[in-house]
C-alpha atoms as a PDB file:
ATOM      1  CA  MET A   1      28.759  75.308 -30.393  1.00  0.00           C
ATOM      2  CA  THR A   2      28.926  74.656 -26.727  1.00  0.00           C
ATOM      3  CA  ASP A   3      25.989  72.347 -27.099  1.00  0.00           C
ATOM      4  CA  ARG A   4      27.897  70.296 -29.610  1.00  0.00           C
ATOM      5  CA  ARG A   5      30.880  70.292 -27.357  1.00  0.00           C
ATOM      6  CA  ASN A   6      28.826  68.958 -24.697  1.00  0.00           C
ATOM      7  CA  PHE A   7      27.185  66.439 -26.647  1.00  0.00           C
ATOM      8  CA  LEU A   8      30.279  65.210 -28.036  1.00  0.00           C
ATOM      9  CA  LYS A   9      32.023  64.946 -24.626  1.00  0.00           C
ATOM     10  CA  ALA A  10      28.861  63.126 -23.321  1.00  0.00           C
ATOM     11  CA  SER A  11      28.969  60.671 -25.970  1.00  0.00           C
ATOM     12  CA  LEU A  12      32.796  60.001 -25.683  1.00  0.00           C
ATOM     13  CA  LEU A  13      32.465  59.383 -21.941  1.00  0.00           C
ATOM     14  CA  GLY A  14      29.274  57.174 -22.534  1.00  0.00           C
ATOM     15  CA  ALA A  15      31.332  55.207 -25.237  1.00  0.00           C
ATOM     16  CA  SER A  16      34.281  55.083 -22.810  1.00  0.00           C
ATOM     17  CA  ALA A  17      31.695  53.817 -20.062  1.00  0.00           C
ATOM     18  CA  SER A  18      30.122  51.030 -22.292  1.00  0.00           C
ATOM     19  CA  ALA A  19      33.919  49.946 -23.337  1.00  0.00           C
ATOM     20  CA  LEU A  20      34.919  50.023 -19.792  1.00  0.00           C
ATOM     21  CA  ALA A  21      32.111  47.766 -19.013  1.00  0.00           C
ATOM     22  CA  TRP A  22      32.411  45.604 -21.904  1.00  0.00           C
ATOM     23  CA  ALA A  23      36.115  45.163 -20.813  1.00  0.00           C
ATOM     24  CA  GLY A  24      35.261  44.133 -17.082  1.00  0.00           C
ATOM     25  CA  LYS A  25      32.693  41.661 -18.467  1.00  0.00           C
ATOM     26  CA  LEU A  26      35.363  40.277 -20.575  1.00  0.00           C
ATOM     27  CA  ALA A  27      38.003  39.975 -17.956  1.00  0.00           C
ATOM     28  CA  ALA A  28      35.407  38.483 -15.405  1.00  0.00           C
ATOM     29  CA  LYS A  29      34.484  35.865 -18.006  1.00  0.00           C
ATOM     30  CA  GLN A  30      38.059  35.116 -18.807  1.00  0.00           C
ATOM     31  CA  ALA A  31      38.413  34.659 -15.019  1.00  0.00           C
ATOM     32  CA  SER A  32      35.795  32.535 -14.799  1.00  0.00           C
ATOM     33  CA  THR A  33      36.819  30.600 -17.788  1.00  0.00           C
ATOM     34  CA  SER A  34      40.206  29.961 -16.128  1.00  0.00           C
ATOM     35  CA  GLN A  35      38.591  28.935 -12.559  1.00  0.00           C
ATOM     36  CA  ALA A  36      36.448  26.349 -14.471  1.00  0.00           C
ATOM     37  CA  PHE A  37      39.594  24.147 -15.289  1.00  0.00           C
ATOM     38  CA  SER A  38      38.918  21.300 -13.160  1.00  0.00           C
ATOM     39  CA  GLY A  39      42.447  19.797 -13.520  1.00  0.00           C
ATOM     40  CA  ALA A  40      43.759  16.465 -14.944  1.00  0.00           C
ATOM     41  CA  ARG A  41      41.105  14.055 -16.332  1.00  0.00           C
ATOM     42  CA  VAL A  42      41.106  11.218 -18.938  1.00  0.00           C
ATOM     43  CA  VAL A  43      38.360   9.810 -20.833  1.00  0.00           C
ATOM     44  CA  SER A  44      37.924   6.899 -23.257  1.00  0.00           C
ATOM     45  CA  THR A  45      35.374   4.826 -25.270  1.00  0.00           C
ATOM     46  CA  TRP A  46      33.565   1.835 -24.094  1.00  0.00           C
ATOM     47  CA  ASP A  47      33.938  -0.102 -20.652  1.00  0.00           C
ATOM     48  CA  PHE A  48      37.304  -1.468 -21.677  1.00  0.00           C
ATOM     49  CA  GLY A  49      38.425   2.245 -21.213  1.00  0.00           C
ATOM     50  CA  VAL A  50      38.492   1.773 -17.615  1.00  0.00           C
ATOM     51  CA  ALA A  51      41.499   0.013 -17.561  1.00  0.00           C
ATOM     52  CA  ALA A  52      43.295   1.929 -20.029  1.00  0.00           C
ATOM     53  CA  ASN A  53      42.053   5.246 -18.355  1.00  0.00           C
ATOM     54  CA  LYS A  54      43.801   3.932 -15.190  1.00  0.00           C
ATOM     55  CA  ALA A  55      46.931   3.204 -17.103  1.00  0.00           C
ATOM     56  CA  ALA A  56      46.764   6.931 -18.249  1.00  0.00           C
ATOM     57  CA  TRP A  57      46.303   8.189 -14.810  1.00  0.00           C
ATOM     58  CA  THR A  58      49.325   6.910 -13.685  1.00  0.00           C
ATOM     59  CA  VAL A  59      50.837   9.495 -15.997  1.00  0.00           C
ATOM     60  CA  LEU A  60      48.800  12.384 -15.258  1.00  0.00           C
ATOM     61  CA  SER A  61      48.809  11.998 -11.558  1.00  0.00           C
ATOM     62  CA  GLN A  62      52.444  12.428 -11.727  1.00  0.00           C
ATOM     63  CA  GLY A  63      52.137  15.758 -13.513  1.00  0.00           C
ATOM     64  CA  GLY A  64      53.168  14.009 -16.863  1.00  0.00           C
ATOM     65  CA  HIS A  65      52.117  15.326 -20.387  1.00  0.00           C
ATOM     66  CA  ALA A  66      48.854  14.481 -21.664  1.00  0.00           C
ATOM     67  CA  LEU A  67      50.385  12.976 -24.789  1.00  0.00           C
ATOM     68  CA  ASP A  68      52.320  10.502 -23.073  1.00  0.00           C
ATOM     69  CA  ALA A  69      49.163   9.473 -20.960  1.00  0.00           C
ATOM     70  CA  VAL A  70      47.089   8.761 -23.945  1.00  0.00           C
ATOM     71  CA  GLU A  71      49.675   6.579 -25.656  1.00  0.00           C
ATOM     72  CA  THR A  72      50.362   4.697 -22.365  1.00  0.00           C
ATOM     73  CA  GLY A  73      46.537   4.261 -21.642  1.00  0.00           C
ATOM     74  CA  VAL A  74      45.470   2.916 -24.881  1.00  0.00           C
ATOM     75  CA  GLN A  75      48.014   0.205 -25.121  1.00  0.00           C
ATOM     76  CA  VAL A  76      46.257  -1.639 -22.433  1.00  0.00           C
ATOM     77  CA  PRO A  77      43.421  -2.854 -24.910  1.00  0.00           C
ATOM     78  CA  GLU A  78      46.228  -3.277 -27.711  1.00  0.00           C
ATOM     79  CA  SER A  79      47.605  -6.098 -25.353  1.00  0.00           C
ATOM     80  CA  ASP A  80      44.548  -7.492 -23.999  1.00  0.00           C
ATOM     81  CA  LEU A  81      43.709 -10.916 -25.360  1.00  0.00           C
ATOM     82  CA  LYS A  82      39.921 -10.705 -24.445  1.00  0.00           C
ATOM     83  CA  ASN A  83      39.491  -7.443 -26.542  1.00  0.00           C
ATOM     84  CA  HIS A  84      38.772  -8.680 -30.305  1.00  0.00           C
ATOM     85  CA  SER A  85      38.462  -4.922 -31.509  1.00  0.00           C
ATOM     86  CA  VAL A  86      41.650  -3.373 -30.522  1.00  0.00           C
ATOM     87  CA  GLY A  87      45.320  -4.593 -31.050  1.00  0.00           C
ATOM     88  CA  LYS A  88      46.771  -8.025 -30.892  1.00  0.00           C
ATOM     89  CA  ALA A  89      43.478 -10.084 -30.325  1.00  0.00           C
ATOM     90  CA  GLY A  90      41.667  -8.196 -32.890  1.00  0.00           C
ATOM     91  CA  TYR A  91      39.850 -10.206 -35.347  1.00  0.00           C
ATOM     92  CA  PRO A  92      41.049 -10.503 -38.965  1.00  0.00           C
ATOM     93  CA  ASP A  93      39.877  -9.244 -42.496  1.00  0.00           C
ATOM     94  CA  ARG A  94      37.968 -11.669 -44.513  1.00  0.00           C
ATOM     95  CA  ASP A  95      41.391 -13.221 -45.957  1.00  0.00           C
ATOM     96  CA  GLY A  96      42.547 -13.864 -42.217  1.00  0.00           C
ATOM     97  CA  HIS A  97      44.814 -11.030 -41.685  1.00  0.00           C
ATOM     98  CA  VAL A  98      44.778  -8.930 -38.555  1.00  0.00           C
ATOM     99  CA  THR A  99      45.517  -5.184 -39.619  1.00  0.00           C
ATOM    100  CA  LEU A 100      45.792  -2.451 -37.129  1.00  0.00           C
ATOM    101  CA  ASP A 101      44.968   1.153 -37.433  1.00  0.00           C
ATOM    102  CA  ALA A 102      46.224   3.942 -34.912  1.00  0.00           C
ATOM    103  CA  SER A 103      46.438   7.705 -34.357  1.00  0.00           C
ATOM    104  CA  ILE A 104      47.740  10.282 -32.046  1.00  0.00           C
ATOM    105  CA  MET A 105      47.652  13.894 -31.724  1.00  0.00           C
ATOM    106  CA  ASP A 106      48.511  16.838 -29.289  1.00  0.00           C
ATOM    107  CA  ALA A 107      47.049  20.391 -28.492  1.00  0.00           C
ATOM    108  CA  ASP A 108      49.488  21.949 -30.980  1.00  0.00           C
ATOM    109  CA  GLY A 109      48.150  19.965 -34.176  1.00  0.00           C
ATOM    110  CA  ASN A 110      51.102  17.806 -34.079  1.00  0.00           C
ATOM    111  CA  CYS A 111      50.097  14.346 -35.118  1.00  0.00           C
ATOM    112  CA  GLY A 112      50.885  10.625 -36.618  1.00  0.00           C
ATOM    113  CA  ALA A 113      49.030   7.687 -37.886  1.00  0.00           C
ATOM    114  CA  VAL A 114      49.387   4.468 -39.060  1.00  0.00           C
ATOM    115  CA  ALA A 115      46.791   2.288 -41.257  1.00  0.00           C
ATOM    116  CA  ALA A 116      46.564  -1.112 -42.418  1.00  0.00           C
ATOM    117  CA  LEU A 117      49.687  -2.182 -40.099  1.00  0.00           C
ATOM    118  CA  GLU A 118      50.317  -5.957 -39.604  1.00  0.00           C
ATOM    119  CA  HIS A 119      52.736  -7.965 -37.037  1.00  0.00           C
ATOM    120  CA  ILE A 120      53.004  -5.111 -34.352  1.00  0.00           C
ATOM    121  CA  GLU A 121      51.101  -5.120 -31.395  1.00  0.00           C
ATOM    122  CA  HIS A 122      51.144  -1.527 -30.343  1.00  0.00           C
ATOM    123  CA  PRO A 123      50.267   0.647 -33.582  1.00  0.00           C
ATOM    124  CA  ILE A 124      49.709   3.470 -31.272  1.00  0.00           C
ATOM    125  CA  CYS A 125      53.292   3.617 -30.476  1.00  0.00           C
ATOM    126  CA  VAL A 126      54.371   3.677 -34.211  1.00  0.00           C
ATOM    127  CA  ALA A 127      51.791   6.243 -34.628  1.00  0.00           C
ATOM    128  CA  ARG A 128      53.376   8.272 -32.036  1.00  0.00           C
ATOM    129  CA  LEU A 129      56.757   7.942 -33.760  1.00  0.00           C
ATOM    130  CA  VAL A 130      55.421   8.716 -37.264  1.00  0.00           C
ATOM    131  CA  MET A 131      54.766  11.827 -35.344  1.00  0.00           C
ATOM    132  CA  ASP A 132      58.168  12.722 -33.715  1.00  0.00           C
ATOM    133  CA  ARG A 133      60.598  11.315 -36.267  1.00  0.00           C
ATOM    134  CA  THR A 134      59.072  11.800 -39.629  1.00  0.00           C
ATOM    135  CA  PRO A 135      57.738  14.859 -41.870  1.00  0.00           C
ATOM    136  CA  HIS A 136      54.694  12.583 -42.415  1.00  0.00           C
ATOM    137  CA  VAL A 137      51.227  12.344 -40.763  1.00  0.00           C
ATOM    138  CA  LEU A 138      49.846   8.855 -42.116  1.00  0.00           C
ATOM    139  CA  LEU A 139      52.032   5.556 -43.083  1.00  0.00           C
ATOM    140  CA  VAL A 140      50.121   2.733 -44.488  1.00  0.00           C
ATOM    141  CA  GLY A 141      50.526  -1.062 -45.200  1.00  0.00           C
ATOM    142  CA  GLU A 142      53.770  -2.413 -46.096  1.00  0.00           C
ATOM    143  CA  GLY A 143      55.559   1.062 -45.344  1.00  0.00           C
ATOM    144  CA  ALA A 144      54.170   1.273 -42.039  1.00  0.00           C
ATOM    145  CA  LEU A 145      55.730  -2.194 -41.257  1.00  0.00           C
ATOM    146  CA  GLN A 146      59.035  -1.177 -42.797  1.00  0.00           C
ATOM    147  CA  PHE A 147      59.286   1.806 -40.381  1.00  0.00           C
ATOM    148  CA  ALA A 148      58.042   0.156 -37.471  1.00  0.00           C
ATOM    149  CA  LEU A 149      60.896  -2.565 -37.577  1.00  0.00           C
ATOM    150  CA  ALA A 150      63.486   0.207 -38.426  1.00  0.00           C
ATOM    151  CA  GLN A 151      62.314   2.007 -35.372  1.00  0.00           C
ATOM    152  CA  GLY A 152      63.128  -1.629 -33.279  1.00  0.00           C
ATOM    153  CA  PHE A 153      59.725  -2.928 -32.974  1.00  0.00           C
ATOM    154  CA  LYS A 154      59.524  -6.783 -33.143  1.00  0.00           C
ATOM    155  CA  LYS A 155      57.590  -8.493 -35.919  1.00  0.00           C
ATOM    156  CA  GLN A 156      54.984 -10.965 -34.384  1.00  0.00           C
ATOM    157  CA  GLU A 157      51.789 -13.096 -35.415  1.00  0.00           C
ATOM    158  CA  LEU A 158      49.209 -11.460 -34.220  1.00  0.00           C
ATOM    159  CA  LEU A 159      46.055 -13.741 -35.047  1.00  0.00           C
ATOM    160  CA  THR A 160      45.295 -15.693 -32.147  1.00  0.00           C
ATOM    161  CA  PRO A 161      43.762 -18.998 -31.813  1.00  0.00           C
ATOM    162  CA  GLU A 162      40.707 -17.747 -30.795  1.00  0.00           C
ATOM    163  CA  SER A 163      40.494 -15.131 -33.235  1.00  0.00           C
ATOM    164  CA  ASP A 164      41.533 -17.640 -35.626  1.00  0.00           C
ATOM    165  CA  LYS A 165      38.634 -19.975 -34.729  1.00  0.00           C
ATOM    166  CA  ALA A 166      36.172 -17.337 -34.940  1.00  0.00           C
ATOM    167  CA  TRP A 167      37.292 -16.520 -38.684  1.00  0.00           C
ATOM    168  CA  HIS A 168      36.766 -20.189 -39.511  1.00  0.00           C
ATOM    169  CA  GLU A 169      33.305 -20.023 -37.853  1.00  0.00           C
ATOM    170  CA  TRP A 170      32.602 -16.962 -39.943  1.00  0.00           C
ATOM    171  CA  LEU A 171      33.771 -18.600 -43.163  1.00  0.00           C
ATOM    172  CA  LYS A 172      31.074 -21.102 -43.259  1.00  0.00           C
ATOM    173  CA  THR A 173      28.841 -18.291 -44.342  1.00  0.00           C
ATOM    174  CA  ALA A 174      31.004 -15.283 -45.124  1.00  0.00           C
ATOM    175  CA  ARG A 175      28.173 -13.146 -44.311  1.00  0.00           C
ATOM    176  CA  TYR A 176      29.233  -9.591 -43.644  1.00  0.00           C
ATOM    177  CA  GLN A 177      26.828  -7.291 -41.466  1.00  0.00           C
ATOM    178  CA  PRO A 178      28.157  -5.019 -38.919  1.00  0.00           C
ATOM    179  CA  SER A 179      26.279  -5.196 -35.756  1.00  0.00           C
ATOM    180  CA  ILE A 180      24.946  -2.474 -33.310  1.00  0.00           C
ATOM    181  CA  ASN A 181      27.102  -2.201 -30.117  1.00  0.00           C
ATOM    182  CA  SER A 182      28.705  -5.606 -30.750  1.00  0.00           C
ATOM    183  CA  GLU A 183      31.654  -4.408 -28.413  1.00  0.00           C
ATOM    184  CA  VAL A 184      29.195  -4.399 -25.722  1.00  0.00           C
ATOM    185  CA  HIS A 185      28.093  -7.981 -26.707  1.00  0.00           C
ATOM    186  CA  ASP A 186      31.371  -9.515 -27.234  1.00  0.00           C
ATOM    187  CA  TYR A 187      33.545  -7.745 -24.820  1.00  0.00           C
ATOM    188  CA  GLY A 188      31.503  -6.415 -22.145  1.00  0.00           C
ATOM    189  CA  HIS A 189      29.079  -9.420 -21.710  1.00  0.00           C
ATOM    190  CA  GLY A 190      30.847 -12.303 -22.930  1.00  0.00           C
ATOM    191  CA  GLY A 191      28.865 -12.874 -26.393  1.00  0.00           C
ATOM    192  CA  SER A 192      30.138 -14.854 -28.953  1.00  0.00           C
ATOM    193  CA  PRO A 193      31.661 -12.577 -31.479  1.00  0.00           C
ATOM    194  CA  GLY A 194      32.631 -15.050 -34.163  1.00  0.00           C
ATOM    195  CA  MET A 195      28.963 -16.263 -34.553  1.00  0.00           C
ATOM    196  CA  PRO A 196      28.190 -16.653 -38.189  1.00  0.00           C
ATOM    197  CA  GLY A 197      26.428 -14.000 -39.902  1.00  0.00           C
ATOM    198  CA  GLY A 198      27.590 -11.241 -37.490  1.00  0.00           C
ATOM    199  CA  ALA A 199      30.413  -8.841 -38.423  1.00  0.00           C
ATOM    200  CA  GLY A 200      31.659  -9.558 -34.942  1.00  0.00           C
ATOM    201  CA  ASN A 201      33.194  -6.870 -32.735  1.00  0.00           C
ATOM    202  CA  HIS A 202      33.941  -3.674 -34.761  1.00  0.00           C
ATOM    203  CA  ASP A 203      35.297  -1.043 -32.756  1.00  0.00           C
ATOM    204  CA  THR A 204      37.905   1.172 -31.097  1.00  0.00           C
ATOM    205  CA  ILE A 205      39.311   2.914 -28.141  1.00  0.00           C
ATOM    206  CA  GLY A 206      39.411   6.647 -28.475  1.00  0.00           C
ATOM    207  CA  MET A 207      41.083   8.406 -25.416  1.00  0.00           C
ATOM    208  CA  LEU A 208      41.174  12.100 -24.677  1.00  0.00           C
ATOM    209  CA  ALA A 209      43.175  13.621 -22.019  1.00  0.00           C
ATOM    210  CA  ILE A 210      43.869  16.860 -20.364  1.00  0.00           C
ATOM    211  CA  ASP A 211      46.986  17.364 -17.948  1.00  0.00           C
ATOM    212  CA  ALA A 212      47.875  19.351 -14.863  1.00  0.00           C
ATOM    213  CA  GLN A 213      48.989  21.962 -17.221  1.00  0.00           C
ATOM    214  CA  GLY A 214      45.733  22.273 -19.233  1.00  0.00           C
ATOM    215  CA  ARG A 215      47.603  20.279 -22.116  1.00  0.00           C
ATOM    216  CA  LEU A 216      45.369  18.274 -24.361  1.00  0.00           C
ATOM    217  CA  ALA A 217      45.843  15.278 -26.198  1.00  0.00           C
ATOM    218  CA  GLY A 218      43.991  12.277 -28.013  1.00  0.00           C
ATOM    219  CA  ALA A 219      44.582   8.580 -29.327  1.00  0.00           C
ATOM    220  CA  CYS A 220      42.620   6.251 -31.332  1.00  0.00           C
ATOM    221  CA  THR A 221      43.311   2.535 -31.888  1.00  0.00           C
ATOM    222  CA  THR A 222      41.616  -0.334 -33.416  1.00  0.00           C
ATOM    223  CA  SER A 223      41.828  -3.368 -35.245  1.00  0.00           C
ATOM    224  CA  GLY A 224      38.871  -1.895 -37.585  1.00  0.00           C
ATOM    225  CA  MET A 225      35.847  -4.074 -38.624  1.00  0.00           C
ATOM    226  CA  ALA A 226      36.010  -8.040 -38.269  1.00  0.00           C
ATOM    227  CA  TRP A 227      35.916  -9.645 -41.440  1.00  0.00           C
ATOM    228  CA  LYS A 228      36.549  -6.490 -43.602  1.00  0.00           C
ATOM    229  CA  MET A 229      37.608  -6.308 -47.106  1.00  0.00           C
ATOM    230  CA  ARG A 230      41.334  -6.460 -47.155  1.00  0.00           C
ATOM    231  CA  GLY A 231      42.714  -3.048 -47.286  1.00  0.00           C
ATOM    232  CA  ARG A 232      40.015  -1.581 -45.697  1.00  0.00           C
ATOM    233  CA  VAL A 233      40.461   1.367 -43.239  1.00  0.00           C
ATOM    234  CA  GLY A 234      38.276   3.066 -41.236  1.00  0.00           C
ATOM    235  CA  ASP A 235      38.087   6.485 -39.162  1.00  0.00           C
ATOM    236  CA  SER A 236      40.167   5.599 -36.585  1.00  0.00           C
ATOM    237  CA  PRO A 237      43.777   6.518 -37.911  1.00  0.00           C
ATOM    238  CA  ILE A 238      42.177   9.554 -39.963  1.00  0.00           C
ATOM    239  CA  ILE A 239      42.776  12.970 -38.394  1.00  0.00           C
ATOM    240  CA  GLY A 240      39.648  14.702 -38.361  1.00  0.00           C
ATOM    241  CA  ALA A 241      37.397  11.864 -38.372  1.00  0.00           C
ATOM    242  CA  GLY A 242      38.200   9.376 -35.694  1.00  0.00           C
ATOM    243  CA  LEU A 243      40.168  11.885 -33.683  1.00  0.00           C
ATOM    244  CA  TYR A 244      40.855  15.643 -33.719  1.00  0.00           C
ATOM    245  CA  VAL A 245      42.774  18.097 -31.163  1.00  0.00           C
ATOM    246  CA  ASP A 246      42.819  21.529 -30.841  1.00  0.00           C
ATOM    247  CA  GLY A 247      44.324  23.194 -27.985  1.00  0.00           C
ATOM    248  CA  GLU A 248      42.263  26.557 -28.314  1.00  0.00           C
ATOM    249  CA  VAL A 249      39.206  24.456 -28.118  1.00  0.00           C
ATOM    250  CA  GLY A 250      39.177  20.945 -27.205  1.00  0.00           C
ATOM    251  CA  ALA A 251      39.306  17.573 -28.591  1.00  0.00           C
ATOM    252  CA  ALA A 252      37.031  14.742 -29.933  1.00  0.00           C
ATOM    253  CA  THR A 253      37.136  11.079 -30.756  1.00  0.00           C
ATOM    254  CA  SER A 254      34.448   8.687 -32.392  1.00  0.00           C
ATOM    255  CA  THR A 255      33.524   5.196 -32.294  1.00  0.00           C
ATOM    256  CA  GLY A 256      31.249   3.033 -34.401  1.00  0.00           C
ATOM    257  CA  VAL A 257      30.951   2.485 -38.181  1.00  0.00           C
ATOM    258  CA  GLY A 258      33.786   4.479 -39.382  1.00  0.00           C
ATOM    259  CA  GLU A 259      32.690   5.041 -42.847  1.00  0.00           C
ATOM    260  CA  GLU A 260      30.015   7.365 -41.558  1.00  0.00           C
ATOM    261  CA  VAL A 261      32.453   9.353 -39.559  1.00  0.00           C
ATOM    262  CA  ILE A 262      34.809   9.579 -42.397  1.00  0.00           C
ATOM    263  CA  ARG A 263      31.979  11.063 -44.704  1.00  0.00           C
ATOM    264  CA  ASN A 264      31.159  13.870 -42.170  1.00  0.00           C
ATOM    265  CA  ALA A 265      34.780  14.686 -40.747  1.00  0.00           C
ATOM    266  CA  GLY A 266      33.100  13.796 -37.405  1.00  0.00           C
ATOM    267  CA  SER A 267      35.702  14.660 -34.960  1.00  0.00           C
ATOM    268  CA  PHE A 268      36.965  17.837 -36.429  1.00  0.00           C
ATOM    269  CA  LEU A 269      33.013  18.943 -36.946  1.00  0.00           C
ATOM    270  CA  VAL A 270      32.751  18.358 -33.109  1.00  0.00           C
ATOM    271  CA  VAL A 271      35.624  20.482 -32.262  1.00  0.00           C
ATOM    272  CA  GLU A 272      34.331  23.074 -34.699  1.00  0.00           C
ATOM    273  CA  LEU A 273      31.255  22.980 -33.052  1.00  0.00           C
ATOM    274  CA  MET A 274      32.900  23.571 -29.646  1.00  0.00           C
ATOM    275  CA  ARG A 275      34.629  26.524 -31.288  1.00  0.00           C
ATOM    276  CA  GLN A 276      31.148  28.152 -31.798  1.00  0.00           C
ATOM    277  CA  GLY A 277      30.268  27.942 -28.527  1.00  0.00           C
ATOM    278  CA  ARG A 278      28.731  24.486 -27.933  1.00  0.00           C
ATOM    279  CA  SER A 279      29.192  22.252 -24.882  1.00  0.00           C
ATOM    280  CA  PRO A 280      30.769  19.188 -25.573  1.00  0.00           C
ATOM    281  CA  GLN A 281      27.659  17.524 -25.100  1.00  0.00           C
ATOM    282  CA  GLU A 282      25.669  19.659 -27.750  1.00  0.00           C
ATOM    283  CA  ALA A 283      28.539  19.300 -30.276  1.00  0.00           C
ATOM    284  CA  CYS A 284      28.333  15.648 -30.147  1.00  0.00           C
ATOM    285  CA  LYS A 285      24.459  15.724 -30.452  1.00  0.00           C
ATOM    286  CA  GLU A 286      24.605  17.819 -33.439  1.00  0.00           C
ATOM    287  CA  ALA A 287      27.405  15.908 -35.334  1.00  0.00           C
ATOM    288  CA  VAL A 288      25.557  12.434 -34.922  1.00  0.00           C
ATOM    289  CA  MET A 289      22.355  14.422 -36.309  1.00  0.00           C
ATOM    290  CA  ARG A 290      24.274  15.999 -39.226  1.00  0.00           C
ATOM    291  CA  ILE A 291      25.029  12.049 -40.093  1.00  0.00           C
ATOM    292  CA  ILE A 292      21.229  10.888 -39.532  1.00  0.00           C
ATOM    293  CA  ARG A 293      20.076  13.774 -41.858  1.00  0.00           C
ATOM    294  CA  ARG A 294      22.451  13.018 -44.644  1.00  0.00           C
ATOM    295  CA  ARG A 295      21.768   8.936 -44.547  1.00  0.00           C
ATOM    296  CA  PRO A 296      18.621   8.650 -42.481  1.00  0.00           C
ATOM    297  CA  THR A 297      17.552   5.078 -43.815  1.00  0.00           C
ATOM    298  CA  GLN A 298      21.324   3.574 -43.541  1.00  0.00           C
ATOM    299  CA  THR A 299      22.187   5.029 -40.216  1.00  0.00           C
ATOM    300  CA  LYS A 300      18.733   3.541 -38.298  1.00  0.00           C
ATOM    301  CA  GLU A 301      20.817   0.095 -38.472  1.00  0.00           C
ATOM    302  CA  LEU A 302      24.238   1.280 -37.527  1.00  0.00           C
ATOM    303  CA  GLN A 303      25.975   3.059 -34.551  1.00  0.00           C
ATOM    304  CA  VAL A 304      28.045   5.927 -34.536  1.00  0.00           C
ATOM    305  CA  GLY A 305      29.092   7.851 -31.353  1.00  0.00           C
ATOM    306  CA  PHE A 306      31.564  10.862 -30.414  1.00  0.00           C
ATOM    307  CA  LEU A 307      33.076  11.783 -27.137  1.00  0.00           C
ATOM    308  CA  ALA A 308      34.295  15.049 -26.596  1.00  0.00           C
ATOM    309  CA  MET A 309      36.334  16.915 -24.136  1.00  0.00           C
ATOM    310  CA  ASN A 310      36.690  20.725 -24.115  1.00  0.00           C
ATOM    311  CA  LYS A 311      39.708  22.750 -22.845  1.00  0.00           C
ATOM    312  CA  HIS A 312      38.248  23.324 -19.523  1.00  0.00           C
ATOM    313  CA  GLY A 313      38.016  19.534 -19.126  1.00  0.00           C
ATOM    314  CA  ASP A 314      34.073  19.495 -19.406  1.00  0.00           C
ATOM    315  CA  VAL A 315      32.982  16.174 -21.266  1.00  0.00           C
ATOM    316  CA  GLY A 316      30.103  15.091 -23.389  1.00  0.00           C
ATOM    317  CA  ALA A 317      29.151  12.385 -25.644  1.00  0.00           C
ATOM    318  CA  TRP A 318      26.338  11.480 -27.814  1.00  0.00           C
ATOM    319  CA  ALA A 319      25.367   8.373 -29.929  1.00  0.00           C
ATOM    320  CA  ILE A 320      23.043   7.226 -32.516  1.00  0.00           C
ATOM    321  CA  GLN A 321      21.949   4.211 -30.790  1.00  0.00           C
ATOM    322  CA  HIS A 322      21.463   3.249 -27.027  1.00  0.00           C
ATOM    323  CA  GLY A 323      24.139   1.236 -25.522  1.00  0.00           C
ATOM    324  CA  PHE A 324      27.288   3.157 -26.109  1.00  0.00           C
ATOM    325  CA  SER A 325      29.330   4.371 -22.639  1.00  0.00           C
ATOM    326  CA  TYR A 326      32.323   5.958 -22.004  1.00  0.00           C
ATOM    327  CA  ALA A 327      34.953   5.839 -18.817  1.00  0.00           C
ATOM    328  CA  VAL A 328      35.812   8.899 -16.970  1.00  0.00           C
ATOM    329  CA  CYS A 329      39.308   9.074 -15.044  1.00  0.00           C
ATOM    330  CA  ASP A 330      40.181  12.259 -12.565  1.00  0.00           C
ATOM    331  CA  ALA A 331      41.489  12.878  -9.046  1.00  0.00           C
ATOM    332  CA  LYS A 332      37.890  12.210  -7.758  1.00  0.00           C
ATOM    333  CA  LYS A 333      36.951   9.275  -9.775  1.00  0.00           C
ATOM    334  CA  GLN A 334      39.063   6.248 -11.145  1.00  0.00           C
ATOM    335  CA  ASP A 335      36.576   4.037 -12.710  1.00  0.00           C
ATOM    336  CA  GLY A 336      33.397   5.862 -13.757  1.00  0.00           C
ATOM    337  CA  LEU A 337      31.483   4.494 -16.736  1.00  0.00           C
ATOM    338  CA  ILE A 338      28.954   6.944 -17.875  1.00  0.00           C
ATOM    339  CA  PRO A 339      25.781   5.709 -20.345  1.00  0.00           C
ATOM    340  CA  SER A 340      25.779   8.069 -23.451  1.00  0.00           C
ATOM    341  CA  SER A 341      22.735   9.739 -24.502  1.00  0.00           C
ATOM    342  CA  SER A 342      21.460   8.550 -27.778  1.00  0.00           C
ATOM    343  CA  VAL A 343      19.052   9.397 -30.672  1.00  0.00           C
ATOM    344  CA  TYR A 344      17.573   5.703 -30.660  1.00  0.00           C
ATOM    345  CA  SER A 345      16.479   4.471 -27.386  1.00  0.00           C
ATOM    346  CA  THR A 346      16.204   0.830 -28.268  1.00  0.00           C
ATOM    347  CA  SER A 347      18.520  -1.640 -26.249  1.00  0.00           C
ATOM    348  CA  PHE A 348      20.406  -3.829 -28.189  1.00  0.00           C
ATOM    349  CA  SER A 349      21.951  -5.861 -25.303  1.00  0.00           C
END
């Protein structure tokens, strides 16, 4: 009996010691995790993200909310008349209509979006009001326009003379074929986006931010694929596809051909992979590989990329094709542009 008591006592002491050791390790890990947060940071897709990040940083550097920062930041490319993949100067659909898509989301799951919105320069601001002032997540087409006008937005013509000229040039062949990394050709290097045979510029700006209080937010805005079918909507305004934010884990956004991202709920997938313990870089890579495994033949000629940030401010990206880049801005760096890793290394410049 004495031996049994001693055995039980020893077992309990051993279990208590193990529990204390485990608790100590957990506390150390949590302390290390809290120290890992590096402060406010904003990242966004492509080289036009550099200017957008600087605008977002004016909010973050003053202690502002990440949600306000991303809304402010992406308005820069929305107004940029040289940018034919986002906002006012975006290329039209095949019928000559400029339609815009946007979404915004915070760390608590609050979100708003608009799709196929015409005549409004800043769809991201309309998306923010969908989130703040309606019980809905997504408004589309005429309904989205009606809501925007009711909120005080001014109706305007979005088809610029340059975009109109490019559209008429495309009409000579009316050939639709999305081109890889056309946002680099057209915006970054002054190419000819309206060239017959190409689909022109077909991309978006996705922006992710974390503020000084550790709050995450994201925004995504685009004019969609040039010369698309009327009514086509890509991944950008679809929560879980073009954008997803979870304050307990991190945030992700996408770039490239939206149909492939939608098929895989891409940004949600990246966040869930981070939840399982993967780094932002690893999560983006796995999401890309899943797209390729499902459609290996089709994706060889397409571009899809993901950009992610975890709740500590760590950033990573991965793409199918070489050429995708992303911009990073924080207290140490204001104009950093980083090339993404990719599955295929062929350059399309």
